[in-house]
Amino acid sequence: MATGIKDKVAIIGMGCTRFGERWEVGAEELMVEAFEECLEDSGLEVNDIQAAWFGSCMDEVNVGKTAMPMATTLRLPMIPVTRVENYCATGTEAFRGACYAVASGAYDICLALGVEKLKDTGYGGLPGAGSNAGSLLWQWWPNLTAPGSFAQLASAYGAKYRIKDKDIKRAMAHISAKSHANGVLNPKAHLRKAVTEEQIMAAPIIASPLGLFDCCGVSDGSACAIVTTPEIAKKMGKKDFVSLKAAQLAVSSGQEIAYNDWDGDHFMTTSKCSLKAYKEAGISDPRKEISMMEVHDCFSITELSTYEDLHISERGKAVKDIMDGFYDRDGGGVPCQVDGGLKCFGHPIGASGIRMLYEMYLQLHGRAGERQIENPRLGLTHNLGGFPFQNICSIAVVGKYEG
């Protein structure tokens, strides 16, 4: 009978590049930057790694379709390397693959790495969908944009819970200001400048009600992790190491837009995926048991809705929790985007999920510097890929090993 993955995998090393407009390097250099930190952190040698998973999303404008760029760049010792892609969950998918391999007993030590190089592709935002999805998007959704789609989420949410536009905009401004304040403290963040709620509210509109500061940017970056079993970690002399408590994935079946029971105000995949993750991790009350989290704040309204989909805020009550400071780093609730989030790191798609785990890892080891929170126990990461009506959600929960 399936028992889940709780405490079957130890994270013994992690690395992360500085995110930003890294014009001076290519994807290969970014991989090396993250990997060197990870390897040093683990205390291992390259030849100790037995298998690897490589996450990269935009293949035509990045490193290509295969896993070979990772194998050759890092000079991996002729081992299995698997490339994965799953929209914005790509990095977490690479991590999940490495963790499952270790938990199954197939390998002792595995590597997961995600990378994306987007700033010198010729696009201001993400590269055009036509090269990745054929002509389907342009035939059926000719005016589709990410800001436009997520703006509809804000409208639907406000209509359902009878929340005025100005109150939603103020809550979104608080979300963004909170993340920017955290990003100031993070030397690896892309954007490191504090922004006031007033500045955010007065910024140009991108897709009403989303303004400039409600949208995350595009950047370059890489992050990676080395995982093994708790037994091997102990033999290596690792103490108080971080272990995986849950790893869940939910992919939309399309039922959101096929029936009338979904009104576009939330993400069905996140709501279902989070409950499975809590069950796997043994969490009964996430509002009290989760110490911190990194959620997929591609837009501030996405973060707002995700608070409810994670069953931390009650339905229709996220705005109140936000304005009460419940998700602020020092607000006494569940700090969210402790490192600055996508809002301050940007979103190099293949790297984002592992970058989120990197922050949880640092916090659990007490190595987060000025942004360190007090006595964290459990950290949650959340990715959401695709668009509001059909999407992919991945959730991971990590904490100190208990065993």
Protein backbone atom coordinates (compact mmCIF):
# COMPACT_ATOMS: atom_id res chain seq x y z
CA MET A 1 0.00 0.00 0.00
CA ALA A 2 1.30 3.46 -0.87
CA THR A 3 2.68 5.33 2.13
CA GLY A 4 3.84 8.59 0.55
CA ILE A 5 7.27 10.16 0.62
CA LYS A 6 7.38 11.75 4.09
CA ASP A 7 10.90 11.61 5.58
CA LYS A 8 12.14 9.18 2.91
CA VAL A 9 14.37 11.77 1.21
CA ALA A 10 17.05 14.03 2.69
CA ILE A 11 18.18 17.24 1.00
CA ILE A 12 21.91 17.42 1.65
CA GLY A 13 22.97 20.25 -0.64
CA MET A 14 21.45 23.16 -2.52
CA GLY A 15 22.67 25.96 -4.75
CA CYS A 16 21.14 28.99 -6.45
CA THR A 17 22.45 31.68 -8.76
CA ARG A 18 21.78 35.35 -8.54
CA PHE A 19 18.64 35.92 -10.62
CA GLY A 20 18.40 38.85 -13.00
CA GLU A 21 19.37 40.14 -16.40
CA ARG A 22 22.43 37.95 -16.69
CA TRP A 23 23.61 39.23 -20.08
CA GLU A 24 27.19 38.21 -19.31
CA VAL A 25 26.49 34.46 -19.11
CA GLY A 26 24.59 31.71 -20.90
CA ALA A 27 22.46 28.93 -19.48
CA GLU A 28 25.56 26.75 -19.16
CA GLU A 29 27.34 29.23 -16.90
CA LEU A 30 24.21 29.58 -14.78
CA MET A 31 24.07 25.81 -14.33
CA VAL A 32 27.69 25.74 -13.21
CA GLU A 33 27.14 28.62 -10.77
CA ALA A 34 24.26 26.86 -9.02
CA PHE A 35 25.90 23.43 -9.15
CA GLU A 36 29.22 24.54 -7.64
CA GLU A 37 27.44 26.00 -4.61
CA CYS A 38 25.29 22.88 -4.28
CA LEU A 39 28.23 20.50 -4.52
CA GLU A 40 30.25 22.42 -1.94
CA ASP A 41 27.24 22.56 0.36
CA SER A 42 26.76 18.79 0.15
CA GLY A 43 30.41 17.87 0.68
CA LEU A 44 30.25 15.45 -2.26
CA GLU A 45 32.17 15.00 -5.50
CA VAL A 46 30.67 14.93 -8.99
CA ASN A 47 31.33 11.20 -9.27
CA ASP A 48 29.11 10.54 -6.22
CA ILE A 49 26.00 11.52 -8.20
CA GLN A 50 24.25 8.48 -9.68
CA ALA A 51 21.37 10.04 -11.64
CA ALA A 52 20.10 13.51 -12.47
CA TRP A 53 16.92 15.34 -13.51
CA PHE A 54 17.08 18.49 -15.61
CA GLY A 55 14.26 21.05 -15.72
CA SER A 56 14.03 23.52 -18.61
CA CYS A 57 10.83 24.86 -20.18
CA MET A 58 11.36 27.07 -23.22
CA ASP A 59 13.50 24.67 -25.22
CA GLU A 60 13.56 26.48 -28.56
CA VAL A 61 15.07 29.64 -27.04
CA ASN A 62 17.08 28.06 -24.25
CA VAL A 63 19.27 24.94 -24.07
CA GLY A 64 17.38 22.58 -26.38
CA LYS A 65 15.12 19.58 -26.00
CA THR A 66 17.41 16.97 -24.45
CA ALA A 67 19.18 16.41 -21.13
CA MET A 68 22.59 16.49 -22.78
CA PRO A 69 23.34 20.19 -22.09
CA MET A 70 23.28 19.46 -18.37
CA ALA A 71 25.34 16.29 -18.66
CA THR A 72 28.05 17.93 -20.75
CA THR A 73 28.12 21.25 -18.93
CA LEU A 74 28.49 19.70 -15.47
CA ARG A 75 30.69 16.83 -16.75
CA LEU A 76 28.45 14.28 -15.10
CA PRO A 77 30.01 10.78 -15.01
CA MET A 78 28.05 9.03 -17.82
CA ILE A 79 24.96 8.65 -15.66
CA PRO A 80 21.23 8.72 -16.49
CA VAL A 81 20.05 12.30 -17.00
CA THR A 82 16.39 13.02 -17.71
CA ARG A 83 15.00 16.30 -18.99
CA VAL A 84 11.54 17.27 -17.75
CA GLU A 85 9.14 20.11 -18.59
CA ASN A 86 5.77 20.88 -17.03
CA TYR A 87 5.07 24.59 -17.50
CA CYS A 88 5.89 26.61 -14.38
CA ALA A 89 6.18 23.44 -12.29
CA THR A 90 9.23 22.37 -14.32
CA GLY A 91 11.83 22.91 -11.60
CA THR A 92 9.75 21.17 -8.96
CA GLU A 93 9.18 18.30 -11.39
CA ALA A 94 12.94 17.81 -11.71
CA PHE A 95 13.20 17.80 -7.92
CA ARG A 96 10.28 15.36 -7.59
CA GLY A 97 11.89 12.98 -10.08
CA ALA A 98 15.18 12.93 -8.17
CA CYS A 99 13.36 12.42 -4.87
CA TYR A 100 11.24 9.56 -6.15
CA ALA A 101 14.34 7.85 -7.53
CA VAL A 102 16.04 7.98 -4.14
CA ALA A 103 12.89 6.99 -2.20
CA SER A 104 12.36 3.99 -4.48
CA GLY A 105 15.82 2.64 -3.73
CA ALA A 106 16.88 2.82 -7.37
CA TYR A 107 19.70 5.27 -6.56
CA ASP A 108 21.49 6.53 -3.47
CA ILE A 109 22.34 10.07 -4.51
CA CYS A 110 20.55 12.15 -7.16
CA LEU A 111 20.74 15.66 -8.55
CA ALA A 112 17.90 17.97 -9.63
CA LEU A 113 18.64 21.18 -11.51
CA GLY A 114 16.48 23.81 -13.21
CA VAL A 115 17.60 26.62 -15.49
CA GLU A 116 16.11 29.17 -17.85
CA LYS A 117 17.79 31.89 -19.90
CA LEU A 118 15.14 34.32 -21.08
CA LYS A 119 16.59 37.83 -21.11
CA ASP A 120 18.35 37.72 -24.47
CA THR A 121 15.64 35.99 -26.50
CA GLY A 122 14.32 39.11 -28.22
CA TYR A 123 11.08 39.15 -26.21
CA GLY A 124 10.07 41.60 -23.52
CA GLY A 125 8.09 38.93 -21.70
CA LEU A 126 7.97 35.17 -22.17
CA PRO A 127 8.73 33.98 -25.70
CA GLY A 128 5.78 33.61 -28.05
CA ALA A 129 3.62 30.57 -27.43
CA GLY A 130 3.48 29.72 -31.12
CA SER A 131 6.90 28.06 -31.09
CA ASN A 132 5.97 25.86 -28.13
CA ALA A 133 2.31 25.09 -28.70
CA GLY A 134 1.97 25.14 -32.45
CA SER A 135 -0.89 27.14 -33.89
CA LEU A 136 -3.50 26.09 -31.34
CA LEU A 137 -3.17 29.19 -29.16
CA TRP A 138 -3.26 31.58 -32.06
CA GLN A 139 -6.28 29.86 -33.68
CA TRP A 140 -8.42 29.64 -30.59
CA TRP A 141 -7.07 32.27 -28.19
CA PRO A 142 -5.69 34.98 -30.47
CA ASN A 143 -5.84 37.71 -27.80
CA LEU A 144 -4.64 35.60 -24.89
CA THR A 145 -2.05 37.16 -22.57
CA ALA A 146 -0.98 36.13 -19.10
CA PRO A 147 -1.86 39.51 -17.49
CA GLY A 148 -5.22 39.53 -19.25
CA SER A 149 -6.08 36.02 -18.11
CA PHE A 150 -5.13 36.59 -14.50
CA ALA A 151 -6.92 39.95 -14.48
CA GLN A 152 -10.09 37.98 -15.13
CA LEU A 153 -9.35 36.01 -11.98
CA ALA A 154 -9.38 39.26 -9.98
CA SER A 155 -12.71 40.28 -11.50
CA ALA A 156 -14.29 36.90 -10.83
CA TYR A 157 -13.00 36.83 -7.25
CA GLY A 158 -14.32 40.31 -6.48
CA ALA A 159 -17.71 39.53 -8.02
CA LYS A 160 -18.15 36.28 -6.12
CA TYR A 161 -17.30 37.67 -2.70
CA ARG A 162 -18.70 41.18 -3.33
CA ILE A 163 -15.36 42.84 -2.67
CA LYS A 164 -14.88 46.28 -4.14
CA ASP A 165 -12.18 46.80 -6.76
CA LYS A 166 -10.38 49.35 -4.58
CA ASP A 167 -10.17 46.86 -1.71
CA ILE A 168 -8.76 44.13 -3.97
CA LYS A 169 -6.25 46.58 -5.42
CA ARG A 170 -5.18 47.67 -1.94
CA ALA A 171 -4.71 44.04 -0.88
CA MET A 172 -2.69 43.33 -4.02
CA ALA A 173 -0.58 46.40 -3.31
CA HIS A 174 0.13 45.12 0.19
CA ILE A 175 1.17 41.75 -1.25
CA SER A 176 3.60 43.35 -3.67
CA ALA A 177 5.02 45.81 -1.10
CA LYS A 178 5.56 42.95 1.34
CA SER A 179 7.49 40.92 -1.23
CA HIS A 180 9.63 43.88 -2.28
CA ALA A 181 10.50 44.56 1.36
CA ASN A 182 11.71 40.96 1.65
CA GLY A 183 13.59 41.14 -1.64
CA VAL A 184 15.64 44.09 -0.39
CA LEU A 185 17.23 41.68 2.10
CA ASN A 186 18.15 39.06 -0.49
CA PRO A 187 21.41 39.49 -2.44
CA LYS A 188 20.31 36.92 -5.04
CA ALA A 189 17.06 38.66 -5.95
CA HIS A 190 16.65 40.44 -9.28
CA LEU A 191 14.72 43.45 -7.92
CA ARG A 192 15.99 44.84 -4.61
CA LYS A 193 14.15 48.09 -4.06
CA ALA A 194 11.40 48.77 -1.54
CA VAL A 195 8.13 50.03 -3.02
CA THR A 196 5.28 51.63 -1.09
CA GLU A 197 1.65 50.65 -1.44
CA GLU A 198 0.93 54.16 -2.71
CA GLN A 199 3.52 53.80 -5.49
CA ILE A 200 2.04 50.45 -6.44
CA MET A 201 -1.51 51.81 -6.52
CA ALA A 202 -0.42 54.71 -8.74
CA ALA A 203 1.54 52.59 -11.23
CA PRO A 204 0.39 52.17 -14.86
CA ILE A 205 -2.31 49.59 -15.49
CA ILE A 206 -1.24 46.51 -17.46
CA ALA A 207 -4.58 44.64 -17.49
CA SER A 208 -7.15 46.09 -15.13
CA PRO A 209 -7.04 45.77 -12.18
CA LEU A 210 -3.43 44.56 -12.46
CA GLY A 211 -0.86 47.34 -12.45
CA LEU A 212 2.84 47.26 -13.21
CA PHE A 213 3.83 46.14 -9.71
CA ASP A 214 1.21 43.38 -9.69
CA CYS A 215 3.13 41.47 -12.38
CA CYS A 216 6.34 39.51 -11.89
CA GLY A 217 9.21 40.02 -14.31
CA VAL A 218 11.26 37.82 -16.59
CA SER A 219 14.80 36.90 -15.61
CA ASP A 220 17.65 34.41 -15.94
CA GLY A 221 18.58 31.94 -13.23
CA SER A 222 19.35 28.42 -12.08
CA ALA A 223 18.96 26.40 -8.89
CA CYS A 224 19.71 22.82 -7.92
CA ALA A 225 19.52 20.25 -5.14
CA ILE A 226 21.26 17.00 -4.20
CA VAL A 227 19.14 14.41 -2.42
CA THR A 228 19.75 11.07 -0.77
CA THR A 229 18.15 8.85 1.86
CA PRO A 230 18.10 9.82 5.55
CA GLU A 231 20.17 6.72 6.33
CA ILE A 232 22.94 7.77 3.95
CA ALA A 233 22.77 11.35 5.19
CA LYS A 234 23.37 10.12 8.72
CA LYS A 235 26.33 8.00 7.61
CA MET A 236 27.76 11.11 5.96
CA GLY A 237 27.65 12.86 9.32
CA LYS A 238 24.78 15.17 8.39
CA LYS A 239 22.87 16.42 11.42
CA ASP A 240 19.54 18.24 11.59
CA PHE A 241 19.15 17.84 7.84
CA VAL A 242 16.12 18.89 5.83
CA SER A 243 13.81 16.17 4.56
CA LEU A 244 10.91 16.08 2.14
CA LYS A 245 7.51 15.76 3.80
CA ALA A 246 5.28 15.82 0.72
CA ALA A 247 5.50 16.16 -3.06
CA GLN A 248 2.23 16.41 -4.95
CA LEU A 249 1.24 17.36 -8.48
CA ALA A 250 -2.20 18.10 -9.94
CA VAL A 251 -2.77 18.62 -13.66
CA SER A 252 -6.08 20.03 -14.87
CA SER A 253 -8.35 17.64 -16.74
CA GLY A 254 -10.12 20.57 -18.34
CA GLN A 255 -13.22 20.17 -16.22
CA GLU A 256 -12.98 23.76 -14.98
CA ILE A 257 -14.14 25.09 -18.35
CA ALA A 258 -16.32 22.12 -19.24
CA TYR A 259 -18.91 22.54 -16.47
CA ASN A 260 -20.66 25.35 -14.63
CA ASP A 261 -19.51 24.58 -11.08
CA TRP A 262 -16.30 26.64 -11.48
CA ASP A 263 -16.70 30.39 -11.79
CA GLY A 264 -13.12 31.42 -12.40
CA ASP A 265 -12.44 32.82 -8.92
CA HIS A 266 -9.81 30.27 -7.80
CA PHE A 267 -7.53 27.43 -8.92
CA MET A 268 -9.12 24.03 -8.61
CA THR A 269 -5.79 22.22 -9.02
CA THR A 270 -4.20 24.03 -6.06
CA SER A 271 -7.18 23.37 -3.83
CA LYS A 272 -7.06 19.63 -4.51
CA CYS A 273 -3.26 19.32 -4.64
CA SER A 274 -2.76 21.05 -1.28
CA LEU A 275 -5.12 18.69 0.53
CA LYS A 276 -3.17 15.70 -0.79
CA ALA A 277 0.11 17.31 0.27
CA TYR A 278 -1.18 17.97 3.79
CA LYS A 279 -2.34 14.39 4.12
CA GLU A 280 1.03 13.08 2.94
CA ALA A 281 2.91 15.38 5.32
CA GLY A 282 0.62 14.67 8.28
CA ILE A 283 -0.61 18.27 8.50
CA SER A 284 -4.08 18.75 9.98
CA ASP A 285 -4.17 22.56 10.30
CA PRO A 286 -1.97 24.33 7.72
CA ARG A 287 -2.79 27.78 9.12
CA LYS A 288 -1.09 26.81 12.38
CA GLU A 289 1.45 24.20 11.26
CA ILE A 290 3.03 25.77 8.14
CA SER A 291 5.87 28.07 9.23
CA MET A 292 6.54 29.82 5.91
CA MET A 293 5.83 29.43 2.23
CA GLU A 294 6.80 30.43 -1.27
CA VAL A 295 3.80 30.53 -3.60
CA HIS A 296 3.58 31.17 -7.32
CA ASP A 297 3.10 34.93 -7.35
CA CYS A 298 3.26 35.44 -11.11
CA PHE A 299 0.66 38.12 -10.36
CA SER A 300 -0.38 39.50 -6.99
CA ILE A 301 -3.96 38.28 -7.51
CA THR A 302 -2.57 34.77 -7.96
CA GLU A 303 -0.94 34.95 -4.54
CA LEU A 304 -4.17 36.29 -3.02
CA SER A 305 -6.25 33.46 -4.44
CA THR A 306 -3.63 30.86 -3.54
CA TYR A 307 -3.91 31.73 0.16
CA GLU A 308 -7.44 30.38 0.02
CA ASP A 309 -6.69 27.47 -2.28
CA LEU A 310 -4.05 26.34 0.22
CA HIS A 311 -6.82 26.34 2.85
CA ILE A 312 -4.93 28.81 5.02
CA SER A 313 -7.33 31.72 4.57
CA GLU A 314 -11.05 31.00 4.52
CA ARG A 315 -12.88 31.51 1.24
CA GLY A 316 -13.46 35.20 0.69
CA LYS A 317 -11.31 36.14 3.70
CA ALA A 318 -7.84 36.46 2.15
CA VAL A 319 -8.15 40.23 1.75
CA LYS A 320 -8.71 40.63 5.49
CA ASP A 321 -5.77 38.35 6.36
CA ILE A 322 -3.53 40.25 3.96
CA MET A 323 -4.41 43.65 5.38
CA ASP A 324 -4.01 42.28 8.93
CA GLY A 325 -0.41 41.40 8.03
CA PHE A 326 -0.92 37.66 8.46
CA TYR A 327 1.40 36.85 5.53
CA ASP A 328 4.05 39.47 6.34
CA ARG A 329 7.50 38.26 7.39
CA ASP A 330 7.01 39.63 10.91
CA GLY A 331 3.22 39.50 11.04
CA GLY A 332 2.84 36.55 13.39
CA GLY A 333 1.04 34.37 10.83
CA VAL A 334 2.46 32.44 7.88
CA PRO A 335 5.23 34.50 6.20
CA CYS A 336 4.93 34.29 2.42
CA GLN A 337 7.59 35.09 -0.19
CA VAL A 338 10.25 35.39 2.52
CA ASP A 339 12.94 35.74 -0.15
CA GLY A 340 10.99 38.19 -2.33
CA GLY A 341 9.13 35.64 -4.45
CA LEU A 342 8.69 35.71 -8.20
CA LYS A 343 7.92 39.39 -7.74
CA CYS A 344 11.56 40.12 -6.89
CA PHE A 345 13.33 37.16 -8.53
CA GLY A 346 11.46 37.14 -11.81
CA HIS A 347 10.46 33.83 -13.34
CA PRO A 348 13.07 31.82 -15.24
CA ILE A 349 10.58 29.01 -15.53
CA GLY A 350 12.76 25.92 -15.11
CA ALA A 351 14.52 27.35 -12.07
CA SER A 352 11.72 28.90 -10.01
CA GLY A 353 10.46 25.81 -8.19
CA ILE A 354 13.90 24.80 -6.94
CA ARG A 355 14.70 28.43 -6.08
CA MET A 356 11.69 28.38 -3.76
CA LEU A 357 12.96 25.21 -2.10
CA TYR A 358 16.38 26.83 -1.73
CA GLU A 359 14.87 29.54 0.47
CA MET A 360 13.03 27.00 2.61
CA TYR A 361 16.29 25.05 2.94
CA LEU A 362 18.23 28.13 4.08
CA GLN A 363 15.52 29.12 6.54
CA LEU A 364 15.33 25.64 8.08
CA HIS A 365 19.11 25.67 8.54
CA GLY A 366 19.05 29.17 10.01
CA ARG A 367 21.18 30.54 7.17
CA ALA A 368 18.85 33.19 5.69
CA GLY A 369 20.64 36.22 7.17
CA GLU A 370 18.59 39.37 7.75
CA ARG A 371 15.38 37.76 6.52
CA GLN A 372 15.64 34.72 8.83
CA ILE A 373 12.38 33.90 10.56
CA GLU A 374 12.23 32.49 14.07
CA ASN A 375 12.17 28.71 14.61
CA PRO A 376 10.68 27.54 11.29
CA ARG A 377 9.41 23.95 11.29
CA LEU A 378 7.67 23.35 7.97
CA GLY A 379 8.06 25.19 4.67
CA LEU A 380 5.71 24.91 1.68
CA THR A 381 6.42 25.70 -1.96
CA HIS A 382 3.77 26.08 -4.65
CA ASN A 383 3.97 26.40 -8.42
CA LEU A 384 1.14 27.12 -10.82
CA GLY A 385 1.64 26.75 -14.55
CA GLY A 386 -0.60 27.46 -17.51
CA PHE A 387 -3.56 29.82 -17.28
CA PRO A 388 -6.41 30.19 -14.77
CA PHE A 389 -8.87 28.06 -16.68
CA GLN A 390 -6.52 25.07 -17.11
CA ASN A 391 -3.29 24.70 -15.19
CA ILE A 392 -0.68 22.56 -13.48
CA CYS A 393 -0.03 22.79 -9.74
CA SER A 394 2.88 21.36 -7.78
CA ILE A 395 3.31 21.53 -4.02
CA ALA A 396 6.23 20.44 -1.87
CA VAL A 397 6.52 20.50 1.91
CA VAL A 398 9.91 20.33 3.60
CA GLY A 399 11.07 20.37 7.23
CA LYS A 400 13.68 19.05 9.60
CA TYR A 401 14.03 15.26 9.57
CA GLU A 402 12.04 13.45 12.24
CA GLY A 403 13.21 9.91 12.72
